């Protein structure tokens, strides 16, 4: 039963935080920001928000700095949209899985290109 509650709270927070980011963070300035996952503490009082950012390195750095700076405002806005007994303390973490996945795809494409070229004798 507790597992189901954790899952529902995670999804509600993920949706609410994603909406806030889409409304307040421009793609031109910060790149494309998405909420990849949320890891909740067992007491639902803390949450690590994993953020994926597609953009340049300066955009990623600017986005993460801005999210950390606006953390309190984001928490308050989430509190008005998601009614919980305790509003979890948010901590934003840059998720590297998108970059790693793209790098794996690049390697696979490179290997496929190399296999398509017949060996020279």
C-alpha atoms as a PDB file:
ATOM      1  CA  UNK A   1       0.000   0.000   0.000  1.00  0.00           C
ATOM      2  CA  UNK A   2       2.809   2.441   0.886  1.00  0.00           C
ATOM      3  CA  UNK A   3       4.529   1.642  -2.413  1.00  0.00           C
ATOM      4  CA  UNK A   4       1.433   2.679  -4.341  1.00  0.00           C
ATOM      5  CA  UNK A   5       1.242   5.954  -2.401  1.00  0.00           C
ATOM      6  CA  UNK A   6       4.917   6.685  -3.139  1.00  0.00           C
ATOM      7  CA  UNK A   7       4.321   6.046  -6.814  1.00  0.00           C
ATOM      8  CA  UNK A   8       1.262   8.316  -6.956  1.00  0.00           C
ATOM      9  CA  UNK A   9       3.037  11.144  -5.120  1.00  0.00           C
ATOM     10  CA  UNK A  10       6.070  10.820  -7.414  1.00  0.00           C
ATOM     11  CA  UNK A  11       3.887  11.064 -10.517  1.00  0.00           C
ATOM     12  CA  UNK A  12       1.931  14.052  -9.161  1.00  0.00           C
ATOM     13  CA  UNK A  13       5.149  15.888  -8.303  1.00  0.00           C
ATOM     14  CA  UNK A  14       6.730  14.988 -11.627  1.00  0.00           C
ATOM     15  CA  UNK A  15       3.753  16.369 -13.540  1.00  0.00           C
ATOM     16  CA  UNK A  16       3.483  19.558 -11.442  1.00  0.00           C
ATOM     17  CA  UNK A  17       7.211  20.362 -11.559  1.00  0.00           C
ATOM     18  CA  UNK A  18       7.300  19.652 -15.300  1.00  0.00           C
ATOM     19  CA  UNK A  19       4.459  22.125 -15.886  1.00  0.00           C
ATOM     20  CA  UNK A  20       6.179  24.802 -13.808  1.00  0.00           C
ATOM     21  CA  UNK A  21       9.411  24.352 -15.742  1.00  0.00           C
ATOM     22  CA  UNK A  22       7.635  24.488 -19.118  1.00  0.00           C
ATOM     23  CA  UNK A  23       5.872  27.715 -18.120  1.00  0.00           C
ATOM     24  CA  UNK A  24       8.863  29.539 -16.621  1.00  0.00           C
ATOM     25  CA  UNK A  25      12.019  28.356 -18.376  1.00  0.00           C
ATOM     26  CA  UNK A  26      12.553  29.312 -22.019  1.00  0.00           C
ATOM     27  CA  UNK A  27      14.154  26.845 -24.418  1.00  0.00           C
ATOM     28  CA  UNK A  28      16.343  29.560 -25.964  1.00  0.00           C
ATOM     29  CA  UNK A  29      17.926  30.471 -22.644  1.00  0.00           C
ATOM     30  CA  UNK A  30      18.029  27.129 -20.804  1.00  0.00           C
ATOM     31  CA  UNK A  31      17.615  24.417 -23.441  1.00  0.00           C
ATOM     32  CA  UNK A  32      14.907  21.781 -23.261  1.00  0.00           C
ATOM     33  CA  UNK A  33      14.407  20.834 -19.611  1.00  0.00           C
ATOM     34  CA  UNK A  34      12.445  17.752 -18.577  1.00  0.00           C
ATOM     35  CA  UNK A  35      11.788  15.983 -15.295  1.00  0.00           C
ATOM     36  CA  UNK A  36      13.199  12.498 -15.830  1.00  0.00           C
ATOM     37  CA  UNK A  37      12.396  10.955 -12.459  1.00  0.00           C
ATOM     38  CA  UNK A  38      11.783  11.740  -8.812  1.00  0.00           C
ATOM     39  CA  UNK A  39      13.259   9.754  -5.935  1.00  0.00           C
ATOM     40  CA  UNK A  40      11.265  10.137  -2.733  1.00  0.00           C
ATOM     41  CA  UNK A  41      12.434   9.633   0.822  1.00  0.00           C
ATOM     42  CA  UNK A  42      10.602   6.919   2.750  1.00  0.00           C
ATOM     43  CA  UNK A  43       8.776   9.551   4.830  1.00  0.00           C
ATOM     44  CA  UNK A  44       7.801  11.592   1.704  1.00  0.00           C
ATOM     45  CA  UNK A  45       9.491  14.682   3.200  1.00  0.00           C
ATOM     46  CA  UNK A  46      12.356  14.875   0.715  1.00  0.00           C
ATOM     47  CA  UNK A  47      12.604  14.422  -3.024  1.00  0.00           C
ATOM     48  CA  UNK A  48      15.484  14.331  -5.466  1.00  0.00           C
ATOM     49  CA  UNK A  49      14.275  15.632  -8.810  1.00  0.00           C
ATOM     50  CA  UNK A  50      16.327  14.265 -11.706  1.00  0.00           C
ATOM     51  CA  UNK A  51      16.415  16.815 -14.523  1.00  0.00           C
ATOM     52  CA  UNK A  52      17.355  16.092 -18.120  1.00  0.00           C
ATOM     53  CA  UNK A  53      18.538  19.047 -20.180  1.00  0.00           C
ATOM     54  CA  UNK A  54      19.037  18.999 -23.935  1.00  0.00           C
ATOM     55  CA  UNK A  55      21.175  21.955 -24.923  1.00  0.00           C
ATOM     56  CA  UNK A  56      24.655  23.397 -24.844  1.00  0.00           C
ATOM     57  CA  UNK A  57      26.911  23.097 -21.815  1.00  0.00           C
ATOM     58  CA  UNK A  58      26.362  26.778 -20.818  1.00  0.00           C
ATOM     59  CA  UNK A  59      22.575  26.270 -21.116  1.00  0.00           C
ATOM     60  CA  UNK A  60      22.761  23.222 -18.840  1.00  0.00           C
ATOM     61  CA  UNK A  61      24.804  25.088 -16.254  1.00  0.00           C
ATOM     62  CA  UNK A  62      22.487  28.111 -16.381  1.00  0.00           C
ATOM     63  CA  UNK A  63      19.394  25.919 -16.077  1.00  0.00           C
ATOM     64  CA  UNK A  64      20.706  24.003 -13.069  1.00  0.00           C
ATOM     65  CA  UNK A  65      21.797  27.233 -11.326  1.00  0.00           C
ATOM     66  CA  UNK A  66      18.389  28.806 -11.960  1.00  0.00           C
ATOM     67  CA  UNK A  67      16.527  25.721 -10.709  1.00  0.00           C
ATOM     68  CA  UNK A  68      18.591  25.733  -7.504  1.00  0.00           C
ATOM     69  CA  UNK A  69      17.952  29.469  -7.074  1.00  0.00           C
ATOM     70  CA  UNK A  70      14.185  29.132  -7.704  1.00  0.00           C
ATOM     71  CA  UNK A  71      13.798  25.970  -5.599  1.00  0.00           C
ATOM     72  CA  UNK A  72      11.768  27.682  -2.865  1.00  0.00           C
ATOM     73  CA  UNK A  73       9.377  29.292  -5.340  1.00  0.00           C
ATOM     74  CA  UNK A  74       8.954  25.990  -7.206  1.00  0.00           C
ATOM     75  CA  UNK A  75       8.163  24.216  -3.898  1.00  0.00           C
ATOM     76  CA  UNK A  76       5.541  26.836  -3.006  1.00  0.00           C
ATOM     77  CA  UNK A  77       3.924  26.570  -6.441  1.00  0.00           C
ATOM     78  CA  UNK A  78       3.900  22.775  -6.230  1.00  0.00           C
ATOM     79  CA  UNK A  79       2.270  23.107  -2.793  1.00  0.00           C
ATOM     80  CA  UNK A  80      -0.635  25.015  -4.317  1.00  0.00           C
ATOM     81  CA  UNK A  81      -1.109  22.422  -7.078  1.00  0.00           C
ATOM     82  CA  UNK A  82      -0.539  19.186  -5.155  1.00  0.00           C
ATOM     83  CA  UNK A  83      -2.201  18.881  -1.772  1.00  0.00           C
ATOM     84  CA  UNK A  84      -0.080  16.797   0.603  1.00  0.00           C
ATOM     85  CA  UNK A  85       0.246  16.639   4.370  1.00  0.00           C
ATOM     86  CA  UNK A  86       3.975  17.386   4.062  1.00  0.00           C
ATOM     87  CA  UNK A  87       5.441  19.130   1.054  1.00  0.00           C
ATOM     88  CA  UNK A  88       8.761  17.441   0.268  1.00  0.00           C
ATOM     89  CA  UNK A  89      11.978  19.434   0.206  1.00  0.00           C
ATOM     90  CA  UNK A  90      13.121  19.409  -3.419  1.00  0.00           C
ATOM     91  CA  UNK A  91      16.698  18.883  -4.544  1.00  0.00           C
ATOM     92  CA  UNK A  92      17.487  19.155  -8.245  1.00  0.00           C
ATOM     93  CA  UNK A  93      20.047  16.787  -9.745  1.00  0.00           C
ATOM     94  CA  UNK A  94      21.250  16.754 -13.331  1.00  0.00           C
ATOM     95  CA  UNK A  95      20.479  13.373 -14.885  1.00  0.00           C
ATOM     96  CA  UNK A  96      23.193  12.228 -17.289  1.00  0.00           C
ATOM     97  CA  UNK A  97      21.280   9.254 -18.703  1.00  0.00           C
ATOM     98  CA  UNK A  98      20.117  11.161 -21.817  1.00  0.00           C
ATOM     99  CA  UNK A  99      23.708  12.032 -22.719  1.00  0.00           C
ATOM    100  CA  UNK A 100      24.912   8.497 -22.044  1.00  0.00           C
ATOM    101  CA  UNK A 101      22.079   7.089 -24.157  1.00  0.00           C
ATOM    102  CA  UNK A 102      22.897   9.428 -27.036  1.00  0.00           C
ATOM    103  CA  UNK A 103      26.575   8.472 -26.816  1.00  0.00           C
ATOM    104  CA  UNK A 104      25.694   4.758 -26.958  1.00  0.00           C
ATOM    105  CA  UNK A 105      23.562   5.398 -30.065  1.00  0.00           C
ATOM    106  CA  UNK A 106      26.448   7.293 -31.689  1.00  0.00           C
ATOM    107  CA  UNK A 107      28.809   4.383 -31.021  1.00  0.00           C
ATOM    108  CA  UNK A 108      26.327   1.883 -32.468  1.00  0.00           C
ATOM    109  CA  UNK A 109      25.877   4.012 -35.609  1.00  0.00           C
ATOM    110  CA  UNK A 110      29.638   4.322 -35.993  1.00  0.00           C
ATOM    111  CA  UNK A 111      30.066   0.548 -35.688  1.00  0.00           C
ATOM    112  CA  UNK A 112      27.327  -0.033 -38.260  1.00  0.00           C
ATOM    113  CA  UNK A 113      28.996   2.408 -40.681  1.00  0.00           C
ATOM    114  CA  UNK A 114      32.349   0.660 -40.236  1.00  0.00           C
ATOM    115  CA  UNK A 115      30.779  -2.747 -40.895  1.00  0.00           C
ATOM    116  CA  UNK A 116      29.129  -1.446 -44.076  1.00  0.00           C
ATOM    117  CA  UNK A 117      32.511  -0.517 -45.563  1.00  0.00           C
ATOM    118  CA  UNK A 118      34.067  -3.622 -47.152  1.00  0.00           C
ATOM    119  CA  UNK A 119      37.612  -4.372 -46.003  1.00  0.00           C
ATOM    120  CA  UNK A 120      40.336  -3.417 -48.477  1.00  0.00           C
ATOM    121  CA  UNK A 121      42.731  -6.065 -49.629  1.00  0.00           C
END
